[in-house]
Every structure is written in C-alpha cells, then in structure tokens.
C-alpha cells in the first residue's frame, strides 16, 4: 500500500520550498553586496598608494635608461 500525500502536505512543502528559495536569494544578494564593497575598498586603497598624476604627466614610451635601442643578438 502506498502512502497518500494530502493536499495540505503538498502546500506545506511548496511553502517551505518558497521560503528556502527566498532565503537563498537574499543570501546571494548580501554576498554580492559584500563582494562589491570589498572591491571598492580595495580600489580605493590602490588609488591611495599611487602618487597623484597631473593630466600631462604620463609615462613616456621613448627609450630611457635600461631600454635597448637595438634588438638583442641571437
């Protein structure tokens, strides 16, 4: 003989599933917000460590100390 599932049991299971799904969605959103906050703080720390640059103060791509003017011999 097989056990019958009553309609009330099915609704209870569905409601429990919905509650668990809602909780998982809230937890995932919280974790996304935490990751975003960590990313922003990390970027702010990196920016604070770098010296401020003037708009025209970009590194040049011309040969400077340590740059070879000719290719290395094989």
PDB file of N, CA and C in Angstrom:
ATOM      1  N   UNK A   1       0.834  -1.172   0.000  1.00  0.00           N
ATOM      2  CA  UNK A   1       0.000   0.000   0.000  1.00  0.00           C
ATOM      3  C   UNK A   1       0.891   1.253   0.000  1.00  0.00           C
ATOM      4  N   UNK A   2       0.604   2.187  -0.860  1.00  0.00           N
ATOM      5  CA  UNK A   2       1.414   3.397  -0.945  1.00  0.00           C
ATOM      6  C   UNK A   2       0.805   4.481  -0.080  1.00  0.00           C
ATOM      7  N   UNK A   3       1.675   5.320   0.458  1.00  0.00           N
ATOM      8  CA  UNK A   3       1.196   6.420   1.300  1.00  0.00           C
ATOM      9  C   UNK A   3       0.673   7.540   0.412  1.00  0.00           C
ATOM     10  N   UNK A   4      -0.434   8.090   0.789  1.00  0.00           N
ATOM     11  CA  UNK A   4      -1.002   9.208   0.033  1.00  0.00           C
ATOM     12  C   UNK A   4      -0.517  10.512   0.630  1.00  0.00           C
ATOM     13  N   UNK A   5      -0.223  11.452  -0.250  1.00  0.00           N
ATOM     14  CA  UNK A   5       0.157  12.778   0.207  1.00  0.00           C
ATOM     15  C   UNK A   5      -1.087  13.632   0.181  1.00  0.00           C
ATOM     16  N   UNK A   6      -1.397  14.207   1.300  1.00  0.00           N
ATOM     17  CA  UNK A   6      -2.578  15.059   1.385  1.00  0.00           C
ATOM     18  C   UNK A   6      -2.272  16.417   0.778  1.00  0.00           C
ATOM     19  N   UNK A   7      -3.292  17.074   0.301  1.00  0.00           N
ATOM     20  CA  UNK A   7      -3.135  18.385  -0.328  1.00  0.00           C
ATOM     21  C   UNK A   7      -2.448  19.354   0.635  1.00  0.00           C
ATOM     22  N   UNK A   8      -2.765  19.305   1.906  1.00  0.00           N
ATOM     23  CA  UNK A   8      -2.149  20.191   2.894  1.00  0.00           C
ATOM     24  C   UNK A   8      -0.648  19.968   2.976  1.00  0.00           C
ATOM     25  N   UNK A   9      -0.216  18.706   2.888  1.00  0.00           N
ATOM     26  CA  UNK A   9       1.213  18.395   2.929  1.00  0.00           C
ATOM     27  C   UNK A   9       1.919  18.979   1.714  1.00  0.00           C
ATOM     28  N   UNK A  10       1.294  18.891   0.563  1.00  0.00           N
ATOM     29  CA  UNK A  10       1.881  19.406  -0.663  1.00  0.00           C
ATOM     30  C   UNK A  10       2.045  20.924  -0.575  1.00  0.00           C
ATOM     31  N   UNK A  11       1.026  21.625  -0.070  1.00  0.00           N
ATOM     32  CA  UNK A  11       1.117  23.080   0.070  1.00  0.00           C
ATOM     33  C   UNK A  11       2.203  23.447   1.077  1.00  0.00           C
ATOM     34  N   UNK A  12       2.287  22.670   2.156  1.00  0.00           N
ATOM     35  CA  UNK A  12       3.322  22.930   3.166  1.00  0.00           C
ATOM     36  C   UNK A  12       4.706  22.785   2.537  1.00  0.00           C
ATOM     37  N   UNK A  13       4.900  21.722   1.771  1.00  0.00           N
ATOM     38  CA  UNK A  13       6.188  21.514   1.108  1.00  0.00           C
ATOM     39  C   UNK A  13       6.498  22.648   0.140  1.00  0.00           C
ATOM     40  N   UNK A  14       5.486  23.097  -0.599  1.00  0.00           N
ATOM     41  CA  UNK A  14       5.678  24.185  -1.548  1.00  0.00           C
ATOM     42  C   UNK A  14       6.053  25.478  -0.813  1.00  0.00           C
ATOM     43  N   UNK A  15       5.361  25.762   0.289  1.00  0.00           N
ATOM     44  CA  UNK A  15       5.659  26.966   1.064  1.00  0.00           C
ATOM     45  C   UNK A  15       7.062  26.898   1.655  1.00  0.00           C
ATOM     46  N   UNK A  16       7.454  25.735   2.128  1.00  0.00           N
ATOM     47  CA  UNK A  16       8.810  25.569   2.668  1.00  0.00           C
ATOM     48  C   UNK A  16       9.849  25.780   1.564  1.00  0.00           C
ATOM     49  N   UNK A  17       9.559  25.270   0.392  1.00  0.00           N
ATOM     50  CA  UNK A  17      10.459  25.453  -0.751  1.00  0.00           C
ATOM     51  C   UNK A  17      10.581  26.934  -1.094  1.00  0.00           C
ATOM     52  N   UNK A  18       9.449  27.648  -1.107  1.00  0.00           N
ATOM     53  CA  UNK A  18       9.457  29.082  -1.414  1.00  0.00           C
ATOM     54  C   UNK A  18      10.251  29.860  -0.368  1.00  0.00           C
ATOM     55  N   UNK A  19      10.058  29.516   0.910  1.00  0.00           N
ATOM     56  CA  UNK A  19      10.807  30.194   1.973  1.00  0.00           C
ATOM     57  C   UNK A  19      12.305  29.979   1.804  1.00  0.00           C
ATOM     58  N   UNK A  20      12.680  28.758   1.507  1.00  0.00           N
ATOM     59  CA  UNK A  20      14.110  28.442   1.323  1.00  0.00           C
ATOM     60  C   UNK A  20      14.663  29.175   0.093  1.00  0.00           C
ATOM     61  N   UNK A  21      13.895  29.205  -0.984  1.00  0.00           N
ATOM     62  CA  UNK A  21      14.323  29.911  -2.196  1.00  0.00           C
ATOM     63  C   UNK A  21      14.505  31.389  -1.913  1.00  0.00           C
ATOM     64  N   UNK A  22      13.552  31.995  -1.217  1.00  0.00           N
ATOM     65  CA  UNK A  22      13.646  33.415  -0.879  1.00  0.00           C
ATOM     66  C   UNK A  22      14.873  33.692  -0.011  1.00  0.00           C
ATOM     67  N   UNK A  23      15.132  32.807   0.939  1.00  0.00           N
ATOM     68  CA  UNK A  23      16.301  32.973   1.808  1.00  0.00           C
ATOM     69  C   UNK A  23      17.596  32.880   0.999  1.00  0.00           C
ATOM     70  N   UNK A  24      17.673  31.933   0.084  1.00  0.00           N
ATOM     71  CA  UNK A  24      18.867  31.799  -0.754  1.00  0.00           C
ATOM     72  C   UNK A  24      19.073  33.030  -1.632  1.00  0.00           C
ATOM     73  N   UNK A  25      17.990  33.585  -2.147  1.00  0.00           N
ATOM     74  CA  UNK A  25      18.094  34.793  -2.971  1.00  0.00           C
ATOM     75  C   UNK A  25      18.606  35.958  -2.127  1.00  0.00           C
ATOM     76  N   UNK A  26      18.079  36.120  -0.900  1.00  0.00           N
ATOM     77  CA  UNK A  26      18.543  37.195  -0.007  1.00  0.00           C
ATOM     78  C   UNK A  26      20.015  37.006   0.338  1.00  0.00           C
ATOM     79  N   UNK A  27      20.406  35.767   0.606  1.00  0.00           N
ATOM     80  CA  UNK A  27      21.798  35.473   0.954  1.00  0.00           C
ATOM     81  C   UNK A  27      22.726  35.783  -0.220  1.00  0.00           C
ATOM     82  N   UNK A  28      22.331  35.415  -1.418  1.00  0.00           N
ATOM     83  CA  UNK A  28      23.153  35.688  -2.605  1.00  0.00           C
ATOM     84  C   UNK A  28      23.291  37.191  -2.834  1.00  0.00           C
ATOM     85  N   UNK A  29      22.217  37.937  -2.645  1.00  0.00           N
ATOM     86  CA  UNK A  29      22.268  39.393  -2.813  1.00  0.00           C
ATOM     87  C   UNK A  29      23.212  40.011  -1.780  1.00  0.00           C
ATOM     88  N   UNK A  30      23.127  39.535  -0.539  1.00  0.00           N
ATOM     89  CA  UNK A  30      24.018  40.034   0.507  1.00  0.00           C
ATOM     90  C   UNK A  30      25.483  39.756   0.150  1.00  0.00           C
ATOM     91  N   UNK A  31      25.761  38.553  -0.326  1.00  0.00           N
ATOM     92  CA  UNK A  31      27.132  38.203  -0.703  1.00  0.00           C
ATOM     93  C   UNK A  31      27.622  39.058  -1.863  1.00  0.00           C
ATOM     94  N   UNK A  32      26.746  39.368  -2.821  1.00  0.00           N
ATOM     95  CA  UNK A  32      27.126  40.263  -3.930  1.00  0.00           C
ATOM     96  C   UNK A  32      27.474  41.650  -3.408  1.00  0.00           C
ATOM     97  N   UNK A  33      26.668  42.158  -2.476  1.00  0.00           N
ATOM     98  CA  UNK A  33      26.933  43.482  -1.908  1.00  0.00           C
ATOM     99  C   UNK A  33      28.260  43.501  -1.144  1.00  0.00           C
ATOM    100  N   UNK A  34      28.534  42.439  -0.404  1.00  0.00           N
ATOM    101  CA  UNK A  34      29.798  42.353   0.333  1.00  0.00           C
ATOM    102  C   UNK A  34      30.976  42.327  -0.635  1.00  0.00           C
ATOM    103  N   UNK A  35      30.875  41.532  -1.703  1.00  0.00           N
ATOM    104  CA  UNK A  35      31.968  41.474  -2.692  1.00  0.00           C
ATOM    105  C   UNK A  35      32.185  42.829  -3.336  1.00  0.00           C
ATOM    106  N   UNK A  36      31.102  43.532  -3.645  1.00  0.00           N
ATOM    107  CA  UNK A  36      31.213  44.858  -4.260  1.00  0.00           C
ATOM    108  C   UNK A  36      31.887  45.835  -3.306  1.00  0.00           C
ATOM    109  N   UNK A  37      31.513  45.805  -2.019  1.00  0.00           N
ATOM    110  CA  UNK A  37      32.128  46.697  -1.037  1.00  0.00           C
ATOM    111  C   UNK A  37      33.623  46.407  -0.900  1.00  0.00           C
ATOM    112  N   UNK A  38      33.992  45.142  -0.884  1.00  0.00           N
ATOM    113  CA  UNK A  38      35.403  44.774  -0.794  1.00  0.00           C
ATOM    114  C   UNK A  38      36.153  45.262  -2.032  1.00  0.00           C
ATOM    115  N   UNK A  39      35.545  45.105  -3.201  1.00  0.00           N
ATOM    116  CA  UNK A  39      36.188  45.557  -4.443  1.00  0.00           C
ATOM    117  C   UNK A  39      36.413  47.063  -4.428  1.00  0.00           C
ATOM    118  N   UNK A  40      35.415  47.819  -3.959  1.00  0.00           N
ATOM    119  CA  UNK A  40      35.536  49.284  -3.908  1.00  0.00           C
ATOM    120  C   UNK A  40      36.625  49.690  -2.923  1.00  0.00           C
ATOM    121  N   UNK A  41      36.634  49.071  -1.739  1.00  0.00           N
ATOM    122  CA  UNK A  41      37.668  49.415  -0.748  1.00  0.00           C
ATOM    123  C   UNK A  41      39.059  49.095  -1.266  1.00  0.00           C
ATOM    124  N   UNK A  42      39.193  47.955  -1.927  1.00  0.00           N
ATOM    125  CA  UNK A  42      40.489  47.562  -2.486  1.00  0.00           C
ATOM    126  C   UNK A  42      40.953  48.585  -3.525  1.00  0.00           C
ATOM    127  N   UNK A  43      40.033  49.013  -4.389  1.00  0.00           N
ATOM    128  CA  UNK A  43      40.372  50.004  -5.420  1.00  0.00           C
ATOM    129  C   UNK A  43      40.766  51.336  -4.769  1.00  0.00           C
ATOM    130  N   UNK A  44      40.074  51.728  -3.708  1.00  0.00           N
ATOM    131  CA  UNK A  44      40.414  52.965  -3.017  1.00  0.00           C
ATOM    132  C   UNK A  44      41.802  52.881  -2.382  1.00  0.00           C
ATOM    133  N   UNK A  45      42.139  51.740  -1.782  1.00  0.00           N
ATOM    134  CA  UNK A  45      43.472  51.571  -1.192  1.00  0.00           C
ATOM    135  C   UNK A  45      44.550  51.641  -2.265  1.00  0.00           C
ATOM    136  N   UNK A  46      44.292  50.979  -3.419  1.00  0.00           N
ATOM    137  CA  UNK A  46      45.261  51.029  -4.513  1.00  0.00           C
ATOM    138  C   UNK A  46      45.466  52.458  -4.997  1.00  0.00           C
ATOM    139  N   UNK A  47      44.364  53.184  -5.142  1.00  0.00           N
ATOM    140  CA  UNK A  47      44.449  54.570  -5.617  1.00  0.00           C
ATOM    141  C   UNK A  47      45.193  55.436  -4.610  1.00  0.00           C
ATOM    142  N   UNK A  48      45.010  55.186  -3.324  1.00  0.00           N
ATOM    143  CA  UNK A  48      45.676  55.978  -2.293  1.00  0.00           C
ATOM    144  C   UNK A  48      47.180  55.699  -2.281  1.00  0.00           C
ATOM    145  N   UNK A  49      47.601  54.497  -2.640  1.00  0.00           N
ATOM    146  CA  UNK A  49      49.026  54.160  -2.651  1.00  0.00           C
ATOM    147  C   UNK A  49      49.743  54.783  -3.838  1.00  0.00           C
ATOM    148  N   UNK A  50      49.031  54.970  -4.946  1.00  0.00           N
ATOM    149  CA  UNK A  50      49.641  55.541  -6.145  1.00  0.00           C
ATOM    150  C   UNK A  50      49.792  57.045  -5.997  1.00  0.00           C
ATOM    151  N   UNK A  51      50.915  57.592  -6.468  1.00  0.00           N
ATOM    152  CA  UNK A  51      51.036  59.051  -6.423  1.00  0.00           C
ATOM    153  C   UNK A  51      50.051  59.674  -7.411  1.00  0.00           C
ATOM    154  N   UNK A  52      49.559  60.843  -7.047  1.00  0.00           N
ATOM    155  CA  UNK A  52      48.622  61.539  -7.933  1.00  0.00           C
ATOM    156  C   UNK A  52      49.372  61.999  -9.169  1.00  0.00           C
ATOM    157  N   UNK A  53      48.755  61.870 -10.317  1.00  0.00           N
ATOM    158  CA  UNK A  53      49.389  62.281 -11.573  1.00  0.00           C
ATOM    159  C   UNK A  53      48.689  63.497 -12.135  1.00  0.00           C
ATOM    160  N   UNK A  54      49.496  64.343 -12.731  1.00  0.00           N
ATOM    161  CA  UNK A  54      48.950  65.503 -13.427  1.00  0.00           C
ATOM    162  C   UNK A  54      48.419  65.021 -14.774  1.00  0.00           C
ATOM    163  N   UNK A  55      47.487  65.746 -15.394  1.00  0.00           N
ATOM    164  CA  UNK A  55      46.928  65.296 -16.673  1.00  0.00           C
ATOM    165  C   UNK A  55      47.987  65.067 -17.750  1.00  0.00           C
ATOM    166  N   UNK A  56      49.041  65.872 -17.802  1.00  0.00           N
ATOM    167  CA  UNK A  56      50.069  65.698 -18.827  1.00  0.00           C
ATOM    168  C   UNK A  56      51.221  64.830 -18.370  1.00  0.00           C
ATOM    169  N   UNK A  57      51.128  64.303 -17.170  1.00  0.00           N
ATOM    170  CA  UNK A  57      52.228  63.533 -16.587  1.00  0.00           C
ATOM    171  C   UNK A  57      52.027  62.038 -16.838  1.00  0.00           C
ATOM    172  N   UNK A  58      52.183  61.649 -18.096  1.00  0.00           N
ATOM    173  CA  UNK A  58      52.038  60.232 -18.435  1.00  0.00           C
ATOM    174  C   UNK A  58      53.418  59.662 -18.712  1.00  0.00           C
ATOM    175  N   UNK A  59      53.613  58.402 -18.425  1.00  0.00           N
ATOM    176  CA  UNK A  59      54.930  57.815 -18.696  1.00  0.00           C
ATOM    177  C   UNK A  59      55.192  57.806 -20.197  1.00  0.00           C
ATOM    178  N   UNK A  60      56.422  58.153 -20.558  1.00  0.00           N
ATOM    179  CA  UNK A  60      56.740  58.181 -21.988  1.00  0.00           C
ATOM    180  C   UNK A  60      57.082  56.777 -22.454  1.00  0.00           C
ATOM    181  N   UNK A  61      56.920  56.577 -23.717  1.00  0.00           N
ATOM    182  CA  UNK A  61      57.226  55.274 -24.297  1.00  0.00           C
ATOM    183  C   UNK A  61      58.486  55.355 -25.136  1.00  0.00           C
ATOM    184  N   UNK A  62      59.286  56.370 -24.904  1.00  0.00           N
ATOM    185  CA  UNK A  62      60.542  56.505 -25.638  1.00  0.00           C
ATOM    186  C   UNK A  62      61.637  55.782 -24.880  1.00  0.00           C
ATOM    187  N   UNK A  63      62.737  55.583 -25.519  1.00  0.00           N
ATOM    188  CA  UNK A  63      63.850  54.870 -24.897  1.00  0.00           C
ATOM    189  C   UNK A  63      64.387  55.690 -23.732  1.00  0.00           C
ATOM    190  N   UNK A  64      64.465  55.071 -22.618  1.00  0.00           N
ATOM    191  CA  UNK A  64      65.007  55.710 -21.428  1.00  0.00           C
ATOM    192  C   UNK A  64      66.078  54.809 -20.858  1.00  0.00           C
ATOM    193  N   UNK A  65      66.537  55.084 -19.668  1.00  0.00           N
ATOM    194  CA  UNK A  65      67.558  54.223 -19.064  1.00  0.00           C
ATOM    195  C   UNK A  65      67.068  52.773 -19.018  1.00  0.00           C
ATOM    196  N   UNK A  66      67.891  51.890 -19.449  1.00  0.00           N
ATOM    197  CA  UNK A  66      67.532  50.473 -19.419  1.00  0.00           C
ATOM    198  C   UNK A  66      66.854  49.978 -20.675  1.00  0.00           C
ATOM    199  N   UNK A  67      66.489  50.868 -21.587  1.00  0.00           N
ATOM    200  CA  UNK A  67      65.873  50.426 -22.843  1.00  0.00           C
ATOM    201  C   UNK A  67      66.963  50.194 -23.880  1.00  0.00           C
ATOM    202  N   UNK A  68      66.862  49.106 -24.589  1.00  0.00           N
ATOM    203  CA  UNK A  68      67.823  48.828 -25.651  1.00  0.00           C
ATOM    204  C   UNK A  68      67.332  49.474 -26.941  1.00  0.00           C
ATOM    205  N   UNK A  69      68.260  50.031 -27.664  1.00  0.00           N
ATOM    206  CA  UNK A  69      67.893  50.664 -28.922  1.00  0.00           C
ATOM    207  C   UNK A  69      67.902  49.655 -30.073  1.00  0.00           C
ATOM    208  N   UNK A  70      68.637  48.600 -29.923  1.00  0.00           N
ATOM    209  CA  UNK A  70      68.716  47.573 -30.958  1.00  0.00           C
ATOM    210  C   UNK A  70      68.272  46.241 -30.363  1.00  0.00           C
ATOM    211  N   UNK A  71      67.852  45.373 -31.216  1.00  0.00           N
ATOM    212  CA  UNK A  71      67.438  44.054 -30.764  1.00  0.00           C
ATOM    213  C   UNK A  71      68.640  43.288 -30.237  1.00  0.00           C
ATOM    214  N   UNK A  72      68.392  42.407 -29.318  1.00  0.00           N
ATOM    215  CA  UNK A  72      69.485  41.593 -28.769  1.00  0.00           C
ATOM    216  C   UNK A  72      69.972  40.613 -29.825  1.00  0.00           C
ATOM    217  N   UNK A  73      71.274  40.363 -29.816  1.00  0.00           N
ATOM    218  CA  UNK A  73      71.775  39.360 -30.776  1.00  0.00           C
ATOM    219  C   UNK A  73      71.265  37.967 -30.385  1.00  0.00           C
ATOM    220  N   UNK A  74      71.070  37.147 -31.395  1.00  0.00           N
ATOM    221  CA  UNK A  74      70.540  35.813 -31.157  1.00  0.00           C
ATOM    222  C   UNK A  74      71.577  34.870 -30.608  1.00  0.00           C
TER     223      UNK A  74
END
